[in-house]
Amino acid sequence: MISVVIPAYNEEANIFACLDALTKQTTKREFEVIVVNNNSTDKTATIAKSFQKSLHLRIIDENIKGRGSARFTGFSNAKGNIILSTDADSIVTSEWIESTISFLEHNNCVAVTGLCSITDLHKIRAFLLRIMLPTSFYIYRLLFGHFWLSGFNFGIYKTIYEKAGGFKKELNTLEDIDLSIRVAKIGNIAYAKKNKVSFSGRRFQNGVLNGYYQYFSAMVLYVLFKKKDVHMSDVR
């Protein structure tokens, strides 16, 4: 059994495309999909329920708003031996589950992470991000000795996730990087650079540098200065 966990807060504009992509997976492996309805006030849950016949789908409510609490609840309820993570504003390829699991099984690693392609921005901004995102991955690894687990695109053995202590419920941002630091102490986090998902560029609508500054400043405060109450603005 494979579990796919998707946190969702007010994602009525994106959740249909996200779940529809999961109905088109080429894998023959059994998998479940867990949508964590993170206190949404729109039609997110209603739209998700329309996929209950086409997916092995569970919708779980988590009323404490925040990515840390939503991911924690989803992973805690996962039945799979391997857990995959993506976001409600992401669209996976038809090979995503199979390629992620295969990479995890055939490489010396405890988790595997991937990147994204952003298609809903002006072509110049999209081009800049295609260069900056993978560069950031390698800079981070150079500085900290491991790749980070991208919340929108990673897979991990459930036993490793639990051994690492899981997501911290109190974190509303950088919950994936926080988990990465602890997972890297257990084993290797591999980077599958060809395993990408399509991802919303909404945080970069006001400029690539502005969006990057938000991520970079939050990372510096949390990782280097150990600030525990780091927050980023909500783009919805």
C-alpha atoms as a PDB file:
ATOM      1  CA  MET A   1       0.000   0.000   0.000  1.00  0.00           C
ATOM      2  CA  ILE A   2       1.164   3.496  -0.897  1.00  0.00           C
ATOM      3  CA  SER A   3      -0.330   6.593   0.750  1.00  0.00           C
ATOM      4  CA  VAL A   4      -0.497   9.991  -0.962  1.00  0.00           C
ATOM      5  CA  VAL A   5      -1.085  12.878   1.454  1.00  0.00           C
ATOM      6  CA  ILE A   6      -2.467  16.223   0.259  1.00  0.00           C
ATOM      7  CA  PRO A   7      -3.090  19.116   2.684  1.00  0.00           C
ATOM      8  CA  ALA A   8      -5.738  21.521   1.408  1.00  0.00           C
ATOM      9  CA  TYR A   9      -6.919  24.905   2.642  1.00  0.00           C
ATOM     10  CA  ASN A  10      -9.375  26.830   0.435  1.00  0.00           C
ATOM     11  CA  GLU A  11      -8.171  25.124  -2.744  1.00  0.00           C
ATOM     12  CA  GLU A  12     -11.435  24.907  -4.692  1.00  0.00           C
ATOM     13  CA  ALA A  13      -9.691  26.371  -7.736  1.00  0.00           C
ATOM     14  CA  ASN A  14      -6.950  23.710  -7.753  1.00  0.00           C
ATOM     15  CA  ILE A  15      -8.067  20.538  -5.995  1.00  0.00           C
ATOM     16  CA  PHE A  16      -9.943  19.101  -8.993  1.00  0.00           C
ATOM     17  CA  ALA A  17      -6.884  19.140 -11.269  1.00  0.00           C
ATOM     18  CA  CYS A  18      -4.708  17.766  -8.450  1.00  0.00           C
ATOM     19  CA  LEU A  19      -6.955  14.755  -7.813  1.00  0.00           C
ATOM     20  CA  ASP A  20      -7.770  14.210 -11.472  1.00  0.00           C
ATOM     21  CA  ALA A  21      -4.053  13.702 -12.155  1.00  0.00           C
ATOM     22  CA  LEU A  22      -3.996  10.946  -9.533  1.00  0.00           C
ATOM     23  CA  THR A  23      -6.786   9.072 -11.334  1.00  0.00           C
ATOM     24  CA  LYS A  24      -4.471   8.803 -14.361  1.00  0.00           C
ATOM     25  CA  GLN A  25      -1.520   7.062 -12.686  1.00  0.00           C
ATOM     26  CA  THR A  26       0.071   4.293 -14.729  1.00  0.00           C
ATOM     27  CA  THR A  27       1.210   2.324 -11.683  1.00  0.00           C
ATOM     28  CA  LYS A  28      -0.258  -1.075 -10.819  1.00  0.00           C
ATOM     29  CA  ARG A  29       0.564  -0.554  -7.152  1.00  0.00           C
ATOM     30  CA  GLU A  30      -2.295  -0.111  -4.723  1.00  0.00           C
ATOM     31  CA  PHE A  31      -2.475   3.415  -3.353  1.00  0.00           C
ATOM     32  CA  GLU A  32      -4.739   5.525  -1.191  1.00  0.00           C
ATOM     33  CA  VAL A  33      -5.184   9.284  -1.308  1.00  0.00           C
ATOM     34  CA  ILE A  34      -5.654  11.309   1.873  1.00  0.00           C
ATOM     35  CA  VAL A  35      -6.924  14.872   1.514  1.00  0.00           C
ATOM     36  CA  VAL A  36      -6.574  16.837   4.732  1.00  0.00           C
ATOM     37  CA  ASN A  37      -9.252  19.510   4.752  1.00  0.00           C
ATOM     38  CA  ASN A  38      -7.456  22.162   6.789  1.00  0.00           C
ATOM     39  CA  ASN A  39     -10.417  24.231   8.007  1.00  0.00           C
ATOM     40  CA  SER A  40     -11.452  25.293   4.483  1.00  0.00           C
ATOM     41  CA  THR A  41     -14.350  27.711   4.132  1.00  0.00           C
ATOM     42  CA  ASP A  42     -14.912  27.147   0.404  1.00  0.00           C
ATOM     43  CA  LYS A  43     -15.892  24.111  -1.706  1.00  0.00           C
ATOM     44  CA  THR A  44     -12.593  22.230  -1.320  1.00  0.00           C
ATOM     45  CA  ALA A  45     -14.134  19.283   0.540  1.00  0.00           C
ATOM     46  CA  THR A  46     -17.155  19.068  -1.774  1.00  0.00           C
ATOM     47  CA  ILE A  47     -14.978  18.910  -4.872  1.00  0.00           C
ATOM     48  CA  ALA A  48     -12.688  16.344  -3.264  1.00  0.00           C
ATOM     49  CA  LYS A  49     -15.657  14.115  -2.391  1.00  0.00           C
ATOM     50  CA  SER A  50     -16.560  13.889  -6.087  1.00  0.00           C
ATOM     51  CA  PHE A  51     -13.454  11.655  -6.523  1.00  0.00           C
ATOM     52  CA  GLN A  52     -14.453   9.043  -3.969  1.00  0.00           C
ATOM     53  CA  LYS A  53     -15.580   6.630  -6.700  1.00  0.00           C
ATOM     54  CA  SER A  54     -12.508   7.048  -8.890  1.00  0.00           C
ATOM     55  CA  LEU A  55      -9.866   7.024  -6.132  1.00  0.00           C
ATOM     56  CA  HIS A  56      -9.292   5.139  -2.898  1.00  0.00           C
ATOM     57  CA  LEU A  57      -9.867   8.452  -1.157  1.00  0.00           C
ATOM     58  CA  ARG A  58     -10.239   9.552   2.430  1.00  0.00           C
ATOM     59  CA  ILE A  59     -10.994  13.131   3.465  1.00  0.00           C
ATOM     60  CA  ILE A  60      -9.828  13.977   6.973  1.00  0.00           C
ATOM     61  CA  ASP A  61     -10.607  17.241   8.755  1.00  0.00           C
ATOM     62  CA  GLU A  62      -7.901  19.132  10.609  1.00  0.00           C
ATOM     63  CA  ASN A  63      -9.310  22.301  12.153  1.00  0.00           C
ATOM     64  CA  ILE A  64      -5.999  23.709  13.348  1.00  0.00           C
ATOM     65  CA  LYS A  65      -4.932  25.793  10.367  1.00  0.00           C
ATOM     66  CA  GLY A  66      -1.321  25.381   9.270  1.00  0.00           C
ATOM     67  CA  ARG A  67       0.799  23.245   7.003  1.00  0.00           C
ATOM     68  CA  GLY A  68       2.553  21.516   9.886  1.00  0.00           C
ATOM     69  CA  SER A  69      -0.671  20.403  11.545  1.00  0.00           C
ATOM     70  CA  ALA A  70      -2.262  19.413   8.200  1.00  0.00           C
ATOM     71  CA  ARG A  71       0.694  17.293   7.079  1.00  0.00           C
ATOM     72  CA  PHE A  72       1.040  15.771  10.551  1.00  0.00           C
ATOM     73  CA  THR A  73      -2.606  14.670  10.522  1.00  0.00           C
ATOM     74  CA  GLY A  74      -2.377  13.270   6.995  1.00  0.00           C
ATOM     75  CA  PHE A  75       0.810  11.297   7.647  1.00  0.00           C
ATOM     76  CA  SER A  76      -0.520  10.043  10.997  1.00  0.00           C
ATOM     77  CA  ASN A  77      -3.556   8.555   9.238  1.00  0.00           C
ATOM     78  CA  ALA A  78      -1.605   7.030   6.341  1.00  0.00           C
ATOM     79  CA  LYS A  79      -1.884   3.247   6.045  1.00  0.00           C
ATOM     80  CA  GLY A  80       0.896   2.825   3.493  1.00  0.00           C
ATOM     81  CA  ASN A  81       4.412   1.547   4.107  1.00  0.00           C
ATOM     82  CA  ILE A  82       5.573   4.375   1.872  1.00  0.00           C
ATOM     83  CA  ILE A  83       4.077   7.873   2.057  1.00  0.00           C
ATOM     84  CA  LEU A  84       4.145  10.359  -0.811  1.00  0.00           C
ATOM     85  CA  SER A  85       3.539  14.053  -0.306  1.00  0.00           C
ATOM     86  CA  THR A  86       2.156  16.636  -2.706  1.00  0.00           C
ATOM     87  CA  ASP A  87       0.061  19.805  -2.472  1.00  0.00           C
ATOM     88  CA  ALA A  88      -3.441  20.718  -3.573  1.00  0.00           C
ATOM     89  CA  ASP A  89      -2.122  23.278  -6.065  1.00  0.00           C
ATOM     90  CA  SER A  90       0.192  20.727  -7.683  1.00  0.00           C
ATOM     91  CA  ILE A  91      -0.420  18.433 -10.644  1.00  0.00           C
ATOM     92  CA  VAL A  92       1.598  15.228 -10.792  1.00  0.00           C
ATOM     93  CA  THR A  93       2.551  13.383 -13.969  1.00  0.00           C
ATOM     94  CA  SER A  94       0.926  10.043 -14.836  1.00  0.00           C
ATOM     95  CA  GLU A  95       4.185   8.278 -13.845  1.00  0.00           C
ATOM     96  CA  TRP A  96       4.684  10.178 -10.590  1.00  0.00           C
ATOM     97  CA  ILE A  97       3.777   7.430  -8.135  1.00  0.00           C
ATOM     98  CA  GLU A  98       5.638   4.693 -10.015  1.00  0.00           C
ATOM     99  CA  SER A  99       8.759   6.788 -10.653  1.00  0.00           C
ATOM    100  CA  THR A 100       8.929   8.045  -7.058  1.00  0.00           C
ATOM    101  CA  ILE A 101       8.556   4.565  -5.558  1.00  0.00           C
ATOM    102  CA  SER A 102      10.946   2.990  -8.060  1.00  0.00           C
ATOM    103  CA  PHE A 103      13.590   5.620  -7.341  1.00  0.00           C
ATOM    104  CA  LEU A 104      13.161   5.096  -3.610  1.00  0.00           C
ATOM    105  CA  GLU A 105      13.447   1.311  -3.931  1.00  0.00           C
ATOM    106  CA  HIS A 106      16.455   1.231  -6.245  1.00  0.00           C
ATOM    107  CA  ASN A 107      18.676   3.870  -4.673  1.00  0.00           C
ATOM    108  CA  ASN A 108      20.481   3.844  -1.361  1.00  0.00           C
ATOM    109  CA  CYS A 109      18.153   6.300   0.350  1.00  0.00           C
ATOM    110  CA  VAL A 110      15.493   6.621   3.043  1.00  0.00           C
ATOM    111  CA  ALA A 111      13.555   9.331   1.218  1.00  0.00           C
ATOM    112  CA  VAL A 112      13.433  10.898  -2.223  1.00  0.00           C
ATOM    113  CA  THR A 113      12.605  14.459  -3.161  1.00  0.00           C
ATOM    114  CA  GLY A 114      11.881  16.249  -6.412  1.00  0.00           C
ATOM    115  CA  LEU A 115      11.275  19.681  -7.842  1.00  0.00           C
ATOM    116  CA  CYS A 116       8.534  21.376  -9.791  1.00  0.00           C
ATOM    117  CA  SER A 117       7.809  23.193 -13.017  1.00  0.00           C
ATOM    118  CA  ILE A 118       5.750  26.370 -12.830  1.00  0.00           C
ATOM    119  CA  THR A 119       3.526  26.983 -15.837  1.00  0.00           C
ATOM    120  CA  ASP A 120       1.110  29.709 -14.696  1.00  0.00           C
ATOM    121  CA  LEU A 121       3.566  32.622 -14.669  1.00  0.00           C
ATOM    122  CA  HIS A 122       4.837  34.952 -17.367  1.00  0.00           C
ATOM    123  CA  LYS A 123       7.414  33.089 -19.448  1.00  0.00           C
ATOM    124  CA  ILE A 124      10.308  35.241 -18.218  1.00  0.00           C
ATOM    125  CA  ARG A 125       9.483  34.550 -14.558  1.00  0.00           C
ATOM    126  CA  ALA A 126       8.962  30.877 -15.340  1.00  0.00           C
ATOM    127  CA  PHE A 127      12.352  30.763 -17.087  1.00  0.00           C
ATOM    128  CA  LEU A 128      14.091  32.363 -14.096  1.00  0.00           C
ATOM    129  CA  LEU A 129      12.514  29.872 -11.730  1.00  0.00           C
ATOM    130  CA  ARG A 130      13.570  26.926 -13.912  1.00  0.00           C
ATOM    131  CA  ILE A 131      17.138  28.050 -13.286  1.00  0.00           C
ATOM    132  CA  MET A 132      16.847  29.236  -9.685  1.00  0.00           C
ATOM    133  CA  LEU A 133      14.927  26.316  -8.157  1.00  0.00           C
ATOM    134  CA  PRO A 134      17.427  23.507  -8.917  1.00  0.00           C
ATOM    135  CA  THR A 135      20.300  25.877  -8.128  1.00  0.00           C
ATOM    136  CA  SER A 136      18.753  26.513  -4.722  1.00  0.00           C
ATOM    137  CA  PHE A 137      18.567  22.767  -4.129  1.00  0.00           C
ATOM    138  CA  TYR A 138      22.299  22.329  -4.674  1.00  0.00           C
ATOM    139  CA  ILE A 139      23.221  25.437  -2.670  1.00  0.00           C
ATOM    140  CA  TYR A 140      21.153  24.150   0.241  1.00  0.00           C
ATOM    141  CA  ARG A 141      22.872  20.754   0.025  1.00  0.00           C
ATOM    142  CA  LEU A 142      26.282  22.443  -0.063  1.00  0.00           C
ATOM    143  CA  LEU A 143      25.450  24.439   3.057  1.00  0.00           C
ATOM    144  CA  PHE A 144      23.657  21.774   5.106  1.00  0.00           C
ATOM    145  CA  GLY A 145      24.870  18.454   3.681  1.00  0.00           C
ATOM    146  CA  HIS A 146      21.544  17.086   2.451  1.00  0.00           C
ATOM    147  CA  PHE A 147      18.685  17.809   0.064  1.00  0.00           C
ATOM    148  CA  TRP A 148      15.461  19.124   1.522  1.00  0.00           C
ATOM    149  CA  LEU A 149      12.141  17.338   1.214  1.00  0.00           C
ATOM    150  CA  SER A 150       9.846  19.453  -0.969  1.00  0.00           C
ATOM    151  CA  GLY A 151       6.359  19.247   0.545  1.00  0.00           C
ATOM    152  CA  PHE A 152       4.833  19.248  -2.929  1.00  0.00           C
ATOM    153  CA  ASN A 153       6.952  16.335  -4.165  1.00  0.00           C
ATOM    154  CA  PHE A 154       8.608  13.741  -1.952  1.00  0.00           C
ATOM    155  CA  GLY A 155       8.367  10.142  -0.811  1.00  0.00           C
ATOM    156  CA  ILE A 156       9.529   8.505   2.407  1.00  0.00           C
ATOM    157  CA  TYR A 157       9.333   5.156   4.158  1.00  0.00           C
ATOM    158  CA  LYS A 158       6.775   5.394   6.943  1.00  0.00           C
ATOM    159  CA  THR A 159       9.174   3.802   9.428  1.00  0.00           C
ATOM    160  CA  ILE A 160      11.775   6.484   8.691  1.00  0.00           C
ATOM    161  CA  TYR A 161       9.193   9.264   8.987  1.00  0.00           C
ATOM    162  CA  GLU A 162       8.147   7.975  12.393  1.00  0.00           C
ATOM    163  CA  LYS A 163      11.730   7.439  13.550  1.00  0.00           C
ATOM    164  CA  ALA A 164      12.516  11.050  12.632  1.00  0.00           C
ATOM    165  CA  GLY A 165       9.649  12.260  14.796  1.00  0.00           C
ATOM    166  CA  GLY A 166       7.293  13.365  12.029  1.00  0.00           C
ATOM    167  CA  PHE A 167       6.100  16.840  11.161  1.00  0.00           C
ATOM    168  CA  LYS A 168       5.905  19.436  13.906  1.00  0.00           C
ATOM    169  CA  LYS A 169       2.279  20.484  14.238  1.00  0.00           C
ATOM    170  CA  GLU A 170       3.135  23.991  15.415  1.00  0.00           C
ATOM    171  CA  LEU A 171       5.038  24.944  12.259  1.00  0.00           C
ATOM    172  CA  ASN A 172       3.062  26.858   9.649  1.00  0.00           C
ATOM    173  CA  THR A 173       5.970  27.037   7.223  1.00  0.00           C
ATOM    174  CA  LEU A 174       9.293  25.250   6.631  1.00  0.00           C
ATOM    175  CA  GLU A 175       7.738  22.133   8.128  1.00  0.00           C
ATOM    176  CA  ASP A 176       9.246  20.131   5.265  1.00  0.00           C
ATOM    177  CA  ILE A 177      12.755  21.520   5.791  1.00  0.00           C
ATOM    178  CA  ASP A 178      12.477  20.901   9.524  1.00  0.00           C
ATOM    179  CA  LEU A 179      11.584  17.265   8.809  1.00  0.00           C
ATOM    180  CA  SER A 180      14.442  17.022   6.296  1.00  0.00           C
ATOM    181  CA  ILE A 181      17.031  17.973   8.906  1.00  0.00           C
ATOM    182  CA  ARG A 182      15.942  15.108  11.153  1.00  0.00           C
ATOM    183  CA  VAL A 183      15.521  12.568   8.345  1.00  0.00           C
ATOM    184  CA  ALA A 184      19.027  13.336   7.032  1.00  0.00           C
ATOM    185  CA  LYS A 185      20.454  12.242  10.386  1.00  0.00           C
ATOM    186  CA  ILE A 186      18.992   8.771   9.760  1.00  0.00           C
ATOM    187  CA  GLY A 187      19.908   8.231   6.114  1.00  0.00           C
ATOM    188  CA  ASN A 188      20.366   9.650   2.647  1.00  0.00           C
ATOM    189  CA  ILE A 189      17.731  11.900   1.042  1.00  0.00           C
ATOM    190  CA  ALA A 190      18.026  11.344  -2.710  1.00  0.00           C
ATOM    191  CA  TYR A 191      17.177  13.933  -5.358  1.00  0.00           C
ATOM    192  CA  ALA A 192      15.274  12.678  -8.412  1.00  0.00           C
ATOM    193  CA  LYS A 193      15.824  15.691 -10.640  1.00  0.00           C
ATOM    194  CA  LYS A 194      13.676  14.384 -13.500  1.00  0.00           C
ATOM    195  CA  ASN A 195      10.716  13.657 -11.215  1.00  0.00           C
ATOM    196  CA  LYS A 196       8.837  16.966 -11.303  1.00  0.00           C
ATOM    197  CA  VAL A 197       5.294  18.103 -10.609  1.00  0.00           C
ATOM    198  CA  SER A 198       3.514  21.188 -11.948  1.00  0.00           C
ATOM    199  CA  PHE A 199       3.186  23.735  -9.186  1.00  0.00           C
ATOM    200  CA  SER A 200       1.308  27.003  -8.759  1.00  0.00           C
ATOM    201  CA  GLY A 201       3.501  30.072  -9.044  1.00  0.00           C
ATOM    202  CA  ARG A 202       1.117  32.224  -7.041  1.00  0.00           C
ATOM    203  CA  ARG A 203       3.752  33.113  -4.441  1.00  0.00           C
ATOM    204  CA  PHE A 204       5.836  34.599  -7.262  1.00  0.00           C
ATOM    205  CA  GLN A 205       3.058  36.692  -8.842  1.00  0.00           C
ATOM    206  CA  ASN A 206       4.603  39.854  -7.370  1.00  0.00           C
ATOM    207  CA  GLY A 207       8.048  39.018  -8.664  1.00  0.00           C
ATOM    208  CA  VAL A 208      10.525  36.145  -8.518  1.00  0.00           C
ATOM    209  CA  LEU A 209      12.934  37.977  -6.232  1.00  0.00           C
ATOM    210  CA  ASN A 210      10.157  38.987  -3.851  1.00  0.00           C
ATOM    211  CA  GLY A 211       8.925  35.394  -3.638  1.00  0.00           C
ATOM    212  CA  TYR A 212      12.436  34.064  -3.148  1.00  0.00           C
ATOM    213  CA  TYR A 213      13.104  36.625  -0.437  1.00  0.00           C
ATOM    214  CA  GLN A 214      10.151  35.319   1.576  1.00  0.00           C
ATOM    215  CA  TYR A 215      11.427  31.747   1.407  1.00  0.00           C
ATOM    216  CA  PHE A 216      15.076  32.654   1.962  1.00  0.00           C
ATOM    217  CA  SER A 217      14.472  34.974   4.910  1.00  0.00           C
ATOM    218  CA  ALA A 218      12.200  32.416   6.602  1.00  0.00           C
ATOM    219  CA  MET A 219      14.817  29.689   6.079  1.00  0.00           C
ATOM    220  CA  VAL A 220      17.625  31.822   7.517  1.00  0.00           C
ATOM    221  CA  LEU A 221      15.550  32.715  10.580  1.00  0.00           C
ATOM    222  CA  TYR A 222      14.587  29.099  11.240  1.00  0.00           C
ATOM    223  CA  VAL A 223      17.687  27.110  10.275  1.00  0.00           C
ATOM    224  CA  LEU A 224      20.477  29.514  11.249  1.00  0.00           C
ATOM    225  CA  PHE A 225      18.916  31.600  14.021  1.00  0.00           C
ATOM    226  CA  LYS A 226      16.680  28.810  15.409  1.00  0.00           C
ATOM    227  CA  LYS A 227      13.623  31.077  15.428  1.00  0.00           C
ATOM    228  CA  LYS A 228      10.650  28.785  16.092  1.00  0.00           C
ATOM    229  CA  ASP A 229       7.713  31.046  15.161  1.00  0.00           C
ATOM    230  CA  VAL A 230       8.553  31.729  11.511  1.00  0.00           C
ATOM    231  CA  HIS A 231       5.554  32.587   9.344  1.00  0.00           C
ATOM    232  CA  MET A 232       4.986  33.397   5.681  1.00  0.00           C
ATOM    233  CA  SER A 233       2.112  35.365   4.204  1.00  0.00           C
ATOM    234  CA  ASP A 234      -0.920  33.411   2.981  1.00  0.00           C
ATOM    235  CA  VAL A 235      -1.220  33.754  -0.799  1.00  0.00           C
ATOM    236  CA  ARG A 236      -4.859  32.671  -0.967  1.00  0.00           C
END
